[in-house]
Amino acid sequence: MEARAVARFVRVSPRKVRLVMDEIRGMKVGEALKQLSFSPQKGAALVKKLLDSAVANATANTDVDVDALFVKRIFADEGPTWKRFSPRAMGRATKIRKRSSHLTVVIDES
């Protein structure tokens, strides 16, 4: 039985959080949580919280063995980008793009 969790409008670049997601794709949930707890990236804490939510959804909706769960699919889609300008020399301006992500985790029993 699949369970999923989605976090939308997360203020981290999809490119940066995909690096964290690639490390845990296909892992057992316990191993993935250990990996994420020792990872220094900002995205690791967000993905860990999302993975905990997916496990809670799995246990609440069905009777599953938590030890048998693994990360079936995990991906980050691009969310809206906030556009800002930074003043530069001689009256110029440079764009600043503050990117956001939509994160999705799907776990399943093996």
PDB file of N, CA and C in Angstrom:
ATOM      1  N   MET A   1       0.840  -1.185   0.000  1.00  0.00           N
ATOM      2  CA  MET A   1       0.000   0.000   0.000  1.00  0.00           C
ATOM      3  C   MET A   1       0.881   1.242   0.000  1.00  0.00           C
ATOM      4  N   GLU A   2       0.677   2.086  -0.977  1.00  0.00           N
ATOM      5  CA  GLU A   2       1.464   3.312  -1.085  1.00  0.00           C
ATOM      6  C   GLU A   2       0.933   4.385  -0.142  1.00  0.00           C
ATOM      7  N   ALA A   3       1.846   5.195   0.340  1.00  0.00           N
ATOM      8  CA  ALA A   3       1.486   6.393   1.107  1.00  0.00           C
ATOM      9  C   ALA A   3       2.349   7.520   0.578  1.00  0.00           C
ATOM     10  N   ARG A   4       1.786   8.723   0.563  1.00  0.00           N
ATOM     11  CA  ARG A   4       2.552   9.840   0.037  1.00  0.00           C
ATOM     12  C   ARG A   4       2.387  11.060   0.925  1.00  0.00           C
ATOM     13  N   ALA A   5       3.337  11.960   0.772  1.00  0.00           N
ATOM     14  CA  ALA A   5       3.297  13.239   1.467  1.00  0.00           C
ATOM     15  C   ALA A   5       3.817  14.292   0.496  1.00  0.00           C
ATOM     16  N   VAL A   6       3.212  15.479   0.545  1.00  0.00           N
ATOM     17  CA  VAL A   6       3.572  16.562  -0.365  1.00  0.00           C
ATOM     18  C   VAL A   6       3.799  17.833   0.453  1.00  0.00           C
ATOM     19  N   ALA A   7       4.888  18.508   0.150  1.00  0.00           N
ATOM     20  CA  ALA A   7       5.159  19.826   0.741  1.00  0.00           C
ATOM     21  C   ALA A   7       5.231  20.814  -0.415  1.00  0.00           C
ATOM     22  N   ARG A   8       4.404  21.831  -0.357  1.00  0.00           N
ATOM     23  CA  ARG A   8       4.344  22.789  -1.465  1.00  0.00           C
ATOM     24  C   ARG A   8       4.882  24.146  -1.025  1.00  0.00           C
ATOM     25  N   PHE A   9       5.390  24.878  -1.988  1.00  0.00           N
ATOM     26  CA  PHE A   9       5.899  26.239  -1.786  1.00  0.00           C
ATOM     27  C   PHE A   9       7.027  26.287  -0.746  1.00  0.00           C
ATOM     28  N   VAL A  10       7.908  25.303  -0.803  1.00  0.00           N
ATOM     29  CA  VAL A  10       9.045  25.242   0.110  1.00  0.00           C
ATOM     30  C   VAL A  10      10.144  26.156  -0.432  1.00  0.00           C
ATOM     31  N   ARG A  11      10.709  27.006   0.430  1.00  0.00           N
ATOM     32  CA  ARG A  11      11.668  28.009  -0.010  1.00  0.00           C
ATOM     33  C   ARG A  11      13.086  27.445  -0.097  1.00  0.00           C
ATOM     34  N   VAL A  12      13.263  26.508  -1.014  1.00  0.00           N
ATOM     35  CA  VAL A  12      14.583  25.989  -1.340  1.00  0.00           C
ATOM     36  C   VAL A  12      14.567  25.667  -2.827  1.00  0.00           C
ATOM     37  N   SER A  13      15.691  25.870  -3.478  1.00  0.00           N
ATOM     38  CA  SER A  13      15.774  25.646  -4.913  1.00  0.00           C
ATOM     39  C   SER A  13      15.585  24.159  -5.236  1.00  0.00           C
ATOM     40  N   PRO A  14      14.825  23.840  -6.283  1.00  0.00           N
ATOM     41  CA  PRO A  14      14.641  22.426  -6.636  1.00  0.00           C
ATOM     42  C   PRO A  14      15.961  21.737  -6.982  1.00  0.00           C
ATOM     43  N   ARG A  15      16.860  22.470  -7.581  1.00  0.00           N
ATOM     44  CA  ARG A  15      18.151  21.899  -7.970  1.00  0.00           C
ATOM     45  C   ARG A  15      18.944  21.449  -6.739  1.00  0.00           C
ATOM     46  N   LYS A  16      18.886  22.235  -5.669  1.00  0.00           N
ATOM     47  CA  LYS A  16      19.633  21.897  -4.460  1.00  0.00           C
ATOM     48  C   LYS A  16      18.997  20.744  -3.700  1.00  0.00           C
ATOM     49  N   VAL A  17      17.671  20.705  -3.648  1.00  0.00           N
ATOM     50  CA  VAL A  17      17.010  19.643  -2.885  1.00  0.00           C
ATOM     51  C   VAL A  17      17.048  18.318  -3.655  1.00  0.00           C
ATOM     52  N   ARG A  18      17.169  18.358  -4.971  1.00  0.00           N
ATOM     53  CA  ARG A  18      17.274  17.113  -5.751  1.00  0.00           C
ATOM     54  C   ARG A  18      18.565  16.368  -5.429  1.00  0.00           C
ATOM     55  N   LEU A  19      19.631  17.097  -5.094  1.00  0.00           N
ATOM     56  CA  LEU A  19      20.879  16.447  -4.715  1.00  0.00           C
ATOM     57  C   LEU A  19      20.691  15.594  -3.460  1.00  0.00           C
ATOM     58  N   VAL A  20      19.902  16.082  -2.528  1.00  0.00           N
ATOM     59  CA  VAL A  20      19.610  15.334  -1.299  1.00  0.00           C
ATOM     60  C   VAL A  20      18.694  14.156  -1.610  1.00  0.00           C
ATOM     61  N   MET A  21      17.696  14.392  -2.452  1.00  0.00           N
ATOM     62  CA  MET A  21      16.728  13.336  -2.778  1.00  0.00           C
ATOM     63  C   MET A  21      17.376  12.170  -3.515  1.00  0.00           C
ATOM     64  N   ASP A  22      18.351  12.463  -4.363  1.00  0.00           N
ATOM     65  CA  ASP A  22      19.015  11.407  -5.115  1.00  0.00           C
ATOM     66  C   ASP A  22      19.754  10.433  -4.198  1.00  0.00           C
ATOM     67  N   GLU A  23      20.197  10.914  -3.039  1.00  0.00           N
ATOM     68  CA  GLU A  23      20.924  10.056  -2.104  1.00  0.00           C
ATOM     69  C   GLU A  23      20.029   9.004  -1.457  1.00  0.00           C
ATOM     70  N   ILE A  24      18.739   9.323  -1.253  1.00  0.00           N
ATOM     71  CA  ILE A  24      17.880   8.396  -0.498  1.00  0.00           C
ATOM     72  C   ILE A  24      16.876   7.650  -1.361  1.00  0.00           C
ATOM     73  N   ARG A  25      16.830   7.926  -2.650  1.00  0.00           N
ATOM     74  CA  ARG A  25      15.866   7.253  -3.523  1.00  0.00           C
ATOM     75  C   ARG A  25      16.124   5.747  -3.516  1.00  0.00           C
ATOM     76  N   GLY A  26      15.064   4.956  -3.223  1.00  0.00           N
ATOM     77  CA  GLY A  26      15.167   3.500  -3.203  1.00  0.00           C
ATOM     78  C   GLY A  26      15.601   2.914  -1.873  1.00  0.00           C
ATOM     79  N   MET A  27      15.982   3.745  -0.908  1.00  0.00           N
ATOM     80  CA  MET A  27      16.437   3.258   0.399  1.00  0.00           C
ATOM     81  C   MET A  27      15.271   2.839   1.283  1.00  0.00           C
ATOM     82  N   LYS A  28      15.579   2.019   2.273  1.00  0.00           N
ATOM     83  CA  LYS A  28      14.591   1.751   3.320  1.00  0.00           C
ATOM     84  C   LYS A  28      14.421   3.029   4.134  1.00  0.00           C
ATOM     85  N   VAL A  29      13.236   3.212   4.713  1.00  0.00           N
ATOM     86  CA  VAL A  29      12.903   4.465   5.393  1.00  0.00           C
ATOM     87  C   VAL A  29      13.829   4.724   6.583  1.00  0.00           C
ATOM     88  N   GLY A  30      14.134   3.694   7.352  1.00  0.00           N
ATOM     89  CA  GLY A  30      15.017   3.864   8.509  1.00  0.00           C
ATOM     90  C   GLY A  30      16.398   4.346   8.115  1.00  0.00           C
ATOM     91  N   GLU A  31      16.950   3.731   7.068  1.00  0.00           N
ATOM     92  CA  GLU A  31      18.268   4.139   6.579  1.00  0.00           C
ATOM     93  C   GLU A  31      18.228   5.556   6.014  1.00  0.00           C
ATOM     94  N   ALA A  32      17.157   5.885   5.324  1.00  0.00           N
ATOM     95  CA  ALA A  32      17.027   7.215   4.725  1.00  0.00           C
ATOM     96  C   ALA A  32      16.955   8.289   5.806  1.00  0.00           C
ATOM     97  N   LEU A  33      16.221   8.025   6.896  1.00  0.00           N
ATOM     98  CA  LEU A  33      16.127   8.993   7.981  1.00  0.00           C
ATOM     99  C   LEU A  33      17.476   9.207   8.661  1.00  0.00           C
ATOM    100  N   LYS A  34      18.253   8.132   8.819  1.00  0.00           N
ATOM    101  CA  LYS A  34      19.599   8.268   9.377  1.00  0.00           C
ATOM    102  C   LYS A  34      20.479   9.109   8.461  1.00  0.00           C
ATOM    103  N   GLN A  35      20.411   8.829   7.174  1.00  0.00           N
ATOM    104  CA  GLN A  35      21.213   9.567   6.184  1.00  0.00           C
ATOM    105  C   GLN A  35      20.868  11.053   6.223  1.00  0.00           C
ATOM    106  N   LEU A  36      19.591  11.360   6.294  1.00  0.00           N
ATOM    107  CA  LEU A  36      19.160  12.758   6.270  1.00  0.00           C
ATOM    108  C   LEU A  36      19.506  13.494   7.565  1.00  0.00           C
ATOM    109  N   SER A  37      19.501  12.783   8.690  1.00  0.00           N
ATOM    110  CA  SER A  37      19.787  13.457   9.955  1.00  0.00           C
ATOM    111  C   SER A  37      21.242  13.910  10.048  1.00  0.00           C
ATOM    112  N   PHE A  38      22.142  13.284   9.309  1.00  0.00           N
ATOM    113  CA  PHE A  38      23.552  13.665   9.339  1.00  0.00           C
ATOM    114  C   PHE A  38      23.973  14.493   8.125  1.00  0.00           C
ATOM    115  N   SER A  39      23.047  14.827   7.270  1.00  0.00           N
ATOM    116  CA  SER A  39      23.372  15.615   6.084  1.00  0.00           C
ATOM    117  C   SER A  39      23.294  17.106   6.430  1.00  0.00           C
ATOM    118  N   PRO A  40      24.295  17.908   6.049  1.00  0.00           N
ATOM    119  CA  PRO A  40      24.333  19.312   6.467  1.00  0.00           C
ATOM    120  C   PRO A  40      23.476  20.262   5.635  1.00  0.00           C
ATOM    121  N   GLN A  41      22.922  19.818   4.535  1.00  0.00           N
ATOM    122  CA  GLN A  41      22.160  20.715   3.670  1.00  0.00           C
ATOM    123  C   GLN A  41      20.838  21.125   4.298  1.00  0.00           C
ATOM    124  N   LYS A  42      20.358  22.302   3.903  1.00  0.00           N
ATOM    125  CA  LYS A  42      19.061  22.794   4.375  1.00  0.00           C
ATOM    126  C   LYS A  42      17.943  21.879   3.882  1.00  0.00           C
ATOM    127  N   GLY A  43      18.065  21.399   2.647  1.00  0.00           N
ATOM    128  CA  GLY A  43      17.042  20.542   2.066  1.00  0.00           C
ATOM    129  C   GLY A  43      16.902  19.216   2.780  1.00  0.00           C
ATOM    130  N   ALA A  44      17.948  18.751   3.449  1.00  0.00           N
ATOM    131  CA  ALA A  44      17.900  17.469   4.149  1.00  0.00           C
ATOM    132  C   ALA A  44      16.895  17.516   5.292  1.00  0.00           C
ATOM    133  N   ALA A  45      16.864  18.614   6.023  1.00  0.00           N
ATOM    134  CA  ALA A  45      15.914  18.745   7.130  1.00  0.00           C
ATOM    135  C   ALA A  45      14.485  18.786   6.606  1.00  0.00           C
ATOM    136  N   LEU A  46      14.267  19.447   5.473  1.00  0.00           N
ATOM    137  CA  LEU A  46      12.927  19.528   4.886  1.00  0.00           C
ATOM    138  C   LEU A  46      12.463  18.166   4.386  1.00  0.00           C
ATOM    139  N   VAL A  47      13.358  17.426   3.742  1.00  0.00           N
ATOM    140  CA  VAL A  47      13.012  16.100   3.216  1.00  0.00           C
ATOM    141  C   VAL A  47      12.790  15.114   4.363  1.00  0.00           C
ATOM    142  N   LYS A  48      13.573  15.249   5.440  1.00  0.00           N
ATOM    143  CA  LYS A  48      13.390  14.375   6.605  1.00  0.00           C
ATOM    144  C   LYS A  48      12.007  14.576   7.226  1.00  0.00           C
ATOM    145  N   LYS A  49      11.603  15.821   7.354  1.00  0.00           N
ATOM    146  CA  LYS A  49      10.284  16.124   7.899  1.00  0.00           C
ATOM    147  C   LYS A  49       9.181  15.578   6.993  1.00  0.00           C
ATOM    148  N   LEU A  50       9.384  15.681   5.680  1.00  0.00           N
ATOM    149  CA  LEU A  50       8.409  15.176   4.719  1.00  0.00           C
ATOM    150  C   LEU A  50       8.332  13.654   4.760  1.00  0.00           C
ATOM    151  N   LEU A  51       9.480  13.002   4.911  1.00  0.00           N
ATOM    152  CA  LEU A  51       9.510  11.539   4.993  1.00  0.00           C
ATOM    153  C   LEU A  51       8.825  11.051   6.275  1.00  0.00           C
ATOM    154  N   ASP A  52       9.021  11.768   7.382  1.00  0.00           N
ATOM    155  CA  ASP A  52       8.309  11.436   8.626  1.00  0.00           C
ATOM    156  C   ASP A  52       6.793  11.550   8.435  1.00  0.00           C
ATOM    157  N   SER A  53       6.375  12.566   7.694  1.00  0.00           N
ATOM    158  CA  SER A  53       4.950  12.755   7.425  1.00  0.00           C
ATOM    159  C   SER A  53       4.395  11.608   6.579  1.00  0.00           C
ATOM    160  N   ALA A  54       5.168  11.154   5.596  1.00  0.00           N
ATOM    161  CA  ALA A  54       4.721  10.039   4.757  1.00  0.00           C
ATOM    162  C   ALA A  54       4.585   8.757   5.578  1.00  0.00           C
ATOM    163  N   VAL A  55       5.513   8.528   6.509  1.00  0.00           N
ATOM    164  CA  VAL A  55       5.440   7.353   7.379  1.00  0.00           C
ATOM    165  C   VAL A  55       4.208   7.448   8.274  1.00  0.00           C
ATOM    166  N   ALA A  56       3.929   8.632   8.800  1.00  0.00           N
ATOM    167  CA  ALA A  56       2.746   8.823   9.638  1.00  0.00           C
ATOM    168  C   ALA A  56       1.475   8.586   8.832  1.00  0.00           C
ATOM    169  N   ASN A  57       1.459   9.034   7.579  1.00  0.00           N
ATOM    170  CA  ASN A  57       0.296   8.785   6.723  1.00  0.00           C
ATOM    171  C   ASN A  57       0.106   7.296   6.472  1.00  0.00           C
ATOM    172  N   ALA A  58       1.204   6.573   6.277  1.00  0.00           N
ATOM    173  CA  ALA A  58       1.115   5.135   6.019  1.00  0.00           C
ATOM    174  C   ALA A  58       0.573   4.390   7.233  1.00  0.00           C
ATOM    175  N   THR A  59       1.024   4.756   8.416  1.00  0.00           N
ATOM    176  CA  THR A  59       0.568   4.045   9.613  1.00  0.00           C
ATOM    177  C   THR A  59      -0.858   4.423   9.990  1.00  0.00           C
ATOM    178  N   ALA A  60      -1.261   5.648   9.695  1.00  0.00           N
ATOM    179  CA  ALA A  60      -2.610   6.081  10.045  1.00  0.00           C
ATOM    180  C   ALA A  60      -3.663   5.495   9.111  1.00  0.00           C
ATOM    181  N   ASN A  61      -3.329   5.351   7.849  1.00  0.00           N
ATOM    182  CA  ASN A  61      -4.312   4.908   6.866  1.00  0.00           C
ATOM    183  C   ASN A  61      -4.440   3.396   6.780  1.00  0.00           C
ATOM    184  N   THR A  62      -3.348   2.683   6.973  1.00  0.00           N
ATOM    185  CA  THR A  62      -3.388   1.220   6.860  1.00  0.00           C
ATOM    186  C   THR A  62      -2.501   0.603   7.937  1.00  0.00           C
ATOM    187  N   ASP A  63      -2.655  -0.708   8.117  1.00  0.00           N
ATOM    188  CA  ASP A  63      -1.770  -1.424   9.035  1.00  0.00           C
ATOM    189  C   ASP A  63      -0.560  -1.903   8.254  1.00  0.00           C
ATOM    190  N   VAL A  64       0.523  -1.149   8.359  1.00  0.00           N
ATOM    191  CA  VAL A  64       1.742  -1.497   7.630  1.00  0.00           C
ATOM    192  C   VAL A  64       2.874  -1.718   8.625  1.00  0.00           C
ATOM    193  N   ASP A  65       3.855  -2.498   8.191  1.00  0.00           N
ATOM    194  CA  ASP A  65       5.070  -2.692   8.964  1.00  0.00           C
ATOM    195  C   ASP A  65       6.027  -1.568   8.607  1.00  0.00           C
ATOM    196  N   VAL A  66       6.337  -0.709   9.570  1.00  0.00           N
ATOM    197  CA  VAL A  66       7.173   0.470   9.320  1.00  0.00           C
ATOM    198  C   VAL A  66       8.575   0.057   8.884  1.00  0.00           C
ATOM    199  N   ASP A  67       9.056  -1.088   9.380  1.00  0.00           N
ATOM    200  CA  ASP A  67      10.401  -1.546   9.018  1.00  0.00           C
ATOM    201  C   ASP A  67      10.488  -2.001   7.566  1.00  0.00           C
ATOM    202  N   ALA A  68       9.348  -2.321   6.945  1.00  0.00           N
ATOM    203  CA  ALA A  68       9.351  -2.807   5.569  1.00  0.00           C
ATOM    204  C   ALA A  68       9.151  -1.696   4.542  1.00  0.00           C
ATOM    205  N   LEU A  69       8.984  -0.465   5.000  1.00  0.00           N
ATOM    206  CA  LEU A  69       8.742   0.646   4.069  1.00  0.00           C
ATOM    207  C   LEU A  69      10.037   1.092   3.393  1.00  0.00           C
ATOM    208  N   PHE A  70       9.915   1.484   2.131  1.00  0.00           N
ATOM    209  CA  PHE A  70      11.052   2.039   1.409  1.00  0.00           C
ATOM    210  C   PHE A  70      10.582   3.218   0.560  1.00  0.00           C
ATOM    211  N   VAL A  71      11.515   4.043   0.147  1.00  0.00           N
ATOM    212  CA  VAL A  71      11.213   5.231  -0.644  1.00  0.00           C
ATOM    213  C   VAL A  71      11.035   4.784  -2.095  1.00  0.00           C
ATOM    214  N   LYS A  72       9.792   4.752  -2.536  1.00  0.00           N
ATOM    215  CA  LYS A  72       9.496   4.284  -3.885  1.00  0.00           C
ATOM    216  C   LYS A  72       9.787   5.370  -4.922  1.00  0.00           C
ATOM    217  N   ARG A  73       9.237   6.571  -4.684  1.00  0.00           N
ATOM    218  CA  ARG A  73       9.473   7.714  -5.573  1.00  0.00           C
ATOM    219  C   ARG A  73       9.684   8.948  -4.721  1.00  0.00           C
ATOM    220  N   ILE A  74      10.570   9.802  -5.165  1.00  0.00           N
ATOM    221  CA  ILE A  74      10.800  11.066  -4.481  1.00  0.00           C
ATOM    222  C   ILE A  74      11.262  12.065  -5.538  1.00  0.00           C
ATOM    223  N   PHE A  75      10.598  13.217  -5.580  1.00  0.00           N
ATOM    224  CA  PHE A  75      10.954  14.202  -6.606  1.00  0.00           C
ATOM    225  C   PHE A  75      10.612  15.608  -6.158  1.00  0.00           C
ATOM    226  N   ALA A  76      11.252  16.563  -6.795  1.00  0.00           N
ATOM    227  CA  ALA A  76      11.044  17.984  -6.505  1.00  0.00           C
ATOM    228  C   ALA A  76      10.670  18.686  -7.801  1.00  0.00           C
ATOM    229  N   ASP A  77       9.503  19.300  -7.811  1.00  0.00           N
ATOM    230  CA  ASP A  77       9.070  20.106  -8.946  1.00  0.00           C
ATOM    231  C   ASP A  77       9.307  21.576  -8.629  1.00  0.00           C
ATOM    232  N   GLU A  78       9.403  22.366  -9.670  1.00  0.00           N
ATOM    233  CA  GLU A  78       9.654  23.791  -9.482  1.00  0.00           C
ATOM    234  C   GLU A  78       8.370  24.508  -9.101  1.00  0.00           C
ATOM    235  N   GLY A  79       8.443  25.334  -8.071  1.00  0.00           N
ATOM    236  CA  GLY A  79       7.319  26.154  -7.648  1.00  0.00           C
ATOM    237  C   GLY A  79       7.473  27.561  -8.202  1.00  0.00           C
ATOM    238  N   PRO A  80       6.670  28.491  -7.731  1.00  0.00           N
ATOM    239  CA  PRO A  80       6.784  29.865  -8.208  1.00  0.00           C
ATOM    240  C   PRO A  80       8.092  30.504  -7.755  1.00  0.00           C
ATOM    241  N   THR A  81       8.569  31.433  -8.548  1.00  0.00           N
ATOM    242  CA  THR A  81       9.813  32.137  -8.253  1.00  0.00           C
ATOM    243  C   THR A  81       9.501  33.583  -7.910  1.00  0.00           C
ATOM    244  N   TRP A  82      10.012  34.053  -6.767  1.00  0.00           N
ATOM    245  CA  TRP A  82       9.880  35.458  -6.417  1.00  0.00           C
ATOM    246  C   TRP A  82      10.972  36.215  -7.137  1.00  0.00           C
ATOM    247  N   LYS A  83      10.607  37.309  -7.775  1.00  0.00           N
ATOM    248  CA  LYS A  83      11.590  38.097  -8.504  1.00  0.00           C
ATOM    249  C   LYS A  83      11.864  39.387  -7.752  1.00  0.00           C
ATOM    250  N   ARG A  84      13.132  39.638  -7.502  1.00  0.00           N
ATOM    251  CA  ARG A  84      13.565  40.840  -6.799  1.00  0.00           C
ATOM    252  C   ARG A  84      14.676  41.491  -7.612  1.00  0.00           C
ATOM    253  N   PHE A  85      14.997  42.734  -7.280  1.00  0.00           N
ATOM    254  CA  PHE A  85      16.083  43.434  -7.947  1.00  0.00           C
ATOM    255  C   PHE A  85      17.070  43.936  -6.916  1.00  0.00           C
ATOM    256  N   SER A  86      18.334  43.856  -7.273  1.00  0.00           N
ATOM    257  CA  SER A  86      19.400  44.354  -6.429  1.00  0.00           C
ATOM    258  C   SER A  86      20.073  45.525  -7.140  1.00  0.00           C
ATOM    259  N   PRO A  87      20.208  46.669  -6.482  1.00  0.00           N
ATOM    260  CA  PRO A  87      20.853  47.806  -7.135  1.00  0.00           C
ATOM    261  C   PRO A  87      22.335  47.537  -7.381  1.00  0.00           C
ATOM    262  N   ARG A  88      22.830  47.999  -8.523  1.00  0.00           N
ATOM    263  CA  ARG A  88      24.228  47.830  -8.901  1.00  0.00           C
ATOM    264  C   ARG A  88      24.830  49.196  -9.225  1.00  0.00           C
ATOM    265  N   ALA A  89      26.041  49.178  -9.642  1.00  0.00           N
ATOM    266  CA  ALA A  89      26.741  50.429  -9.927  1.00  0.00           C
ATOM    267  C   ALA A  89      26.166  51.119 -11.161  1.00  0.00           C
ATOM    268  N   MET A  90      26.290  52.427 -11.203  1.00  0.00           N
ATOM    269  CA  MET A  90      25.909  53.270 -12.339  1.00  0.00           C
ATOM    270  C   MET A  90      24.433  53.157 -12.683  1.00  0.00           C
ATOM    271  N   GLY A  91      23.578  52.994 -11.680  1.00  0.00           N
ATOM    272  CA  GLY A  91      22.138  52.990 -11.902  1.00  0.00           C
ATOM    273  C   GLY A  91      21.568  51.717 -12.474  1.00  0.00           C
ATOM    274  N   ARG A  92      22.358  50.678 -12.549  1.00  0.00           N
ATOM    275  CA  ARG A  92      21.863  49.405 -13.085  1.00  0.00           C
ATOM    276  C   ARG A  92      21.187  48.603 -11.976  1.00  0.00           C
ATOM    277  N   ALA A  93      20.541  47.525 -12.384  1.00  0.00           N
ATOM    278  CA  ALA A  93      19.922  46.600 -11.434  1.00  0.00           C
ATOM    279  C   ALA A  93      20.111  45.178 -11.946  1.00  0.00           C
ATOM    280  N   THR A  94      20.194  44.238 -11.008  1.00  0.00           N
ATOM    281  CA  THR A  94      20.360  42.827 -11.344  1.00  0.00           C
ATOM    282  C   THR A  94      19.201  42.041 -10.755  1.00  0.00           C
ATOM    283  N   LYS A  95      18.702  41.065 -11.512  1.00  0.00           N
ATOM    284  CA  LYS A  95      17.618  40.218 -11.021  1.00  0.00           C
ATOM    285  C   LYS A  95      18.113  39.278  -9.933  1.00  0.00           C
ATOM    286  N   ILE A  96      17.276  39.084  -8.932  1.00  0.00           N
ATOM    287  CA  ILE A  96      17.490  38.043  -7.930  1.00  0.00           C
ATOM    288  C   ILE A  96      16.270  37.139  -7.993  1.00  0.00           C
ATOM    289  N   ARG A  97      16.500  35.851  -8.199  1.00  0.00           N
ATOM    290  CA  ARG A  97      15.400  34.896  -8.281  1.00  0.00           C
ATOM    291  C   ARG A  97      15.378  34.060  -7.019  1.00  0.00           C
ATOM    292  N   LYS A  98      14.313  34.173  -6.243  1.00  0.00           N
ATOM    293  CA  LYS A  98      14.156  33.372  -5.030  1.00  0.00           C
ATOM    294  C   LYS A  98      13.228  32.207  -5.384  1.00  0.00           C
ATOM    295  N   ARG A  99      13.837  31.070  -5.588  1.00  0.00           N
ATOM    296  CA  ARG A  99      13.101  29.920  -6.104  1.00  0.00           C
ATOM    297  C   ARG A  99      12.420  29.136  -4.992  1.00  0.00           C
ATOM    298  N   SER A 100      11.345  28.443  -5.363  1.00  0.00           N
ATOM    299  CA  SER A 100      10.641  27.574  -4.420  1.00  0.00           C
ATOM    300  C   SER A 100      10.382  26.225  -5.088  1.00  0.00           C
ATOM    301  N   SER A 101       9.984  25.245  -4.275  1.00  0.00           N
ATOM    302  CA  SER A 101       9.821  23.876  -4.759  1.00  0.00           C
ATOM    303  C   SER A 101       8.533  23.265  -4.240  1.00  0.00           C
ATOM    304  N   HIS A 102       8.077  22.264  -4.965  1.00  0.00           N
ATOM    305  CA  HIS A 102       7.007  21.384  -4.504  1.00  0.00           C
ATOM    306  C   HIS A 102       7.645  19.997  -4.346  1.00  0.00           C
ATOM    307  N   LEU A 103       7.705  19.492  -3.122  1.00  0.00           N
ATOM    308  CA  LEU A 103       8.366  18.221  -2.832  1.00  0.00           C
ATOM    309  C   LEU A 103       7.336  17.110  -2.655  1.00  0.00           C
ATOM    310  N   THR A 104       7.615  15.931  -3.204  1.00  0.00           N
ATOM    311  CA  THR A 104       6.716  14.789  -3.098  1.00  0.00           C
ATOM    312  C   THR A 104       7.502  13.537  -2.741  1.00  0.00           C
ATOM    313  N   VAL A 105       6.996  12.788  -1.763  1.00  0.00           N
ATOM    314  CA  VAL A 105       7.595  11.515  -1.362  1.00  0.00           C
ATOM    315  C   VAL A 105       6.509  10.445  -1.415  1.00  0.00           C
ATOM    316  N   VAL A 106       6.806   9.326  -2.061  1.00  0.00           N
ATOM    317  CA  VAL A 106       5.908   8.173  -2.099  1.00  0.00           C
ATOM    318  C   VAL A 106       6.650   6.997  -1.502  1.00  0.00           C
ATOM    319  N   ILE A 107       6.091   6.378  -0.467  1.00  0.00           N
ATOM    320  CA  ILE A 107       6.700   5.208   0.154  1.00  0.00           C
ATOM    321  C   ILE A 107       5.783   4.014  -0.041  1.00  0.00           C
ATOM    322  N   ASP A 108       6.380   2.821  -0.007  1.00  0.00           N
ATOM    323  CA  ASP A 108       5.635   1.591  -0.232  1.00  0.00           C
ATOM    324  C   ASP A 108       6.261   0.477   0.587  1.00  0.00           C
ATOM    325  N   GLU A 109       5.516  -0.595   0.766  1.00  0.00           N
ATOM    326  CA  GLU A 109       6.042  -1.777   1.452  1.00  0.00           C
ATOM    327  C   GLU A 109       6.795  -2.642   0.474  1.00  0.00           C
ATOM    328  N   SER A 110       7.891  -3.224   0.937  1.00  0.00           N
ATOM    329  CA  SER A 110       8.655  -4.115   0.051  1.00  0.00           C
ATOM    330  C   SER A 110       8.212  -5.558   0.217  1.00  0.00           C
TER     331      SER A 110
END
